[in-house]
Amino acid sequence: MGIRSFLSKVTRRKRAPTLERAVAASAAAKHAEAATIFRALAERGDVQAQLRLAQLYERGEGLLQNFVEAVRWYRSAAEQGS
């Protein structure tokens, strides 16, 4: 493995969306960044991310307030038992 390949993998891993990164961004009032990360995780089926994304839509934090999207994500989480 070449150095570029190695660095690319390390960099990708650091930037990979994680719930911890999303929560930290939200706590730091970086709501747009948090919404982006929560969305990536929510689309992969992460229940906690779906709930947090729904809350952001409901409150209009980091993205335009959208009750239809909020309900969509709350429903997705509920269908998984939340």
Protein backbone atom coordinates (compact mmCIF):
# COMPACT_ATOMS: atom_id res chain seq x y z
CA MET A 1 0.00 0.00 0.00
CA GLY A 2 1.38 3.36 -1.02
CA ILE A 3 1.54 6.37 1.25
CA ARG A 4 -1.22 8.17 -0.65
CA SER A 5 -3.51 5.19 -0.36
CA PHE A 6 -2.81 4.90 3.34
CA LEU A 7 -3.38 8.62 3.98
CA SER A 8 -6.57 8.53 1.96
CA LYS A 9 -7.93 5.69 4.11
CA VAL A 10 -6.95 7.39 7.35
CA THR A 11 -8.50 10.68 6.26
CA ARG A 12 -11.70 8.95 5.16
CA ARG A 13 -11.98 7.16 8.48
CA LYS A 14 -11.63 10.39 10.42
CA ARG A 15 -14.36 12.04 8.40
CA ALA A 16 -16.70 9.08 8.37
CA PRO A 17 -20.07 10.02 9.78
CA THR A 18 -20.49 8.85 13.36
CA LEU A 19 -23.17 9.52 15.91
CA GLU A 20 -20.52 10.95 18.22
CA ARG A 21 -19.43 13.51 15.59
CA ALA A 22 -23.03 14.49 14.93
CA VAL A 23 -23.85 14.91 18.62
CA ALA A 24 -20.67 16.95 19.15
CA ALA A 25 -21.53 19.20 16.20
CA SER A 26 -25.04 19.69 17.54
CA ALA A 27 -23.74 20.49 21.03
CA ALA A 28 -21.41 23.07 19.49
CA ALA A 29 -24.42 24.67 17.75
CA LYS A 30 -23.09 23.56 14.34
CA HIS A 31 -26.57 22.43 13.38
CA ALA A 32 -26.03 22.32 9.61
CA GLU A 33 -23.00 20.04 10.04
CA ALA A 34 -24.92 17.91 12.55
CA ALA A 35 -27.87 17.62 10.16
CA THR A 36 -25.59 16.43 7.36
CA ILE A 37 -24.05 13.75 9.54
CA PHE A 38 -27.37 12.69 11.10
CA ARG A 39 -28.86 12.39 7.59
CA ALA A 40 -26.05 10.13 6.38
CA LEU A 41 -26.50 7.90 9.41
CA ALA A 42 -30.30 8.02 9.27
CA GLU A 43 -30.30 6.90 5.64
CA ARG A 44 -28.25 3.88 6.74
CA GLY A 45 -30.93 2.99 9.29
CA ASP A 46 -29.47 4.40 12.52
CA VAL A 47 -32.47 4.90 14.81
CA GLN A 48 -30.86 7.54 17.03
CA ALA A 49 -29.79 9.53 13.98
CA GLN A 50 -33.32 9.30 12.57
CA LEU A 51 -34.74 10.70 15.81
CA ARG A 52 -32.20 13.52 16.01
CA LEU A 53 -32.69 14.41 12.34
CA ALA A 54 -36.46 14.50 12.89
CA GLN A 55 -35.94 16.89 15.81
CA LEU A 56 -33.75 19.16 13.70
CA TYR A 57 -36.43 19.27 11.00
CA GLU A 58 -39.12 19.91 13.60
CA ARG A 59 -37.20 22.81 15.14
CA GLY A 60 -35.68 24.12 11.92
CA GLU A 61 -32.15 23.89 13.27
CA GLY A 62 -29.46 23.59 10.62
CA LEU A 63 -31.98 23.17 7.84
CA LEU A 64 -35.34 24.55 6.84
CA GLN A 65 -38.14 23.64 9.20
CA ASN A 66 -40.14 20.88 7.56
CA PHE A 67 -42.80 19.00 9.49
CA VAL A 68 -43.35 16.51 6.67
CA GLU A 69 -39.67 15.46 6.82
CA ALA A 70 -39.81 15.44 10.62
CA VAL A 71 -42.74 13.02 10.54
CA ARG A 72 -40.99 10.89 7.92
CA TRP A 73 -37.93 10.42 10.13
CA TYR A 74 -39.95 9.94 13.33
CA ARG A 75 -41.95 7.26 11.50
CA SER A 76 -38.78 5.54 10.25
CA ALA A 77 -37.47 5.37 13.81
CA ALA A 78 -40.81 4.13 15.11
CA GLU A 79 -40.90 1.36 12.52
CA GLN A 80 -37.64 0.12 14.00
CA GLY A 81 -39.10 -0.01 17.49
CA SER A 82 -38.25 3.41 18.84
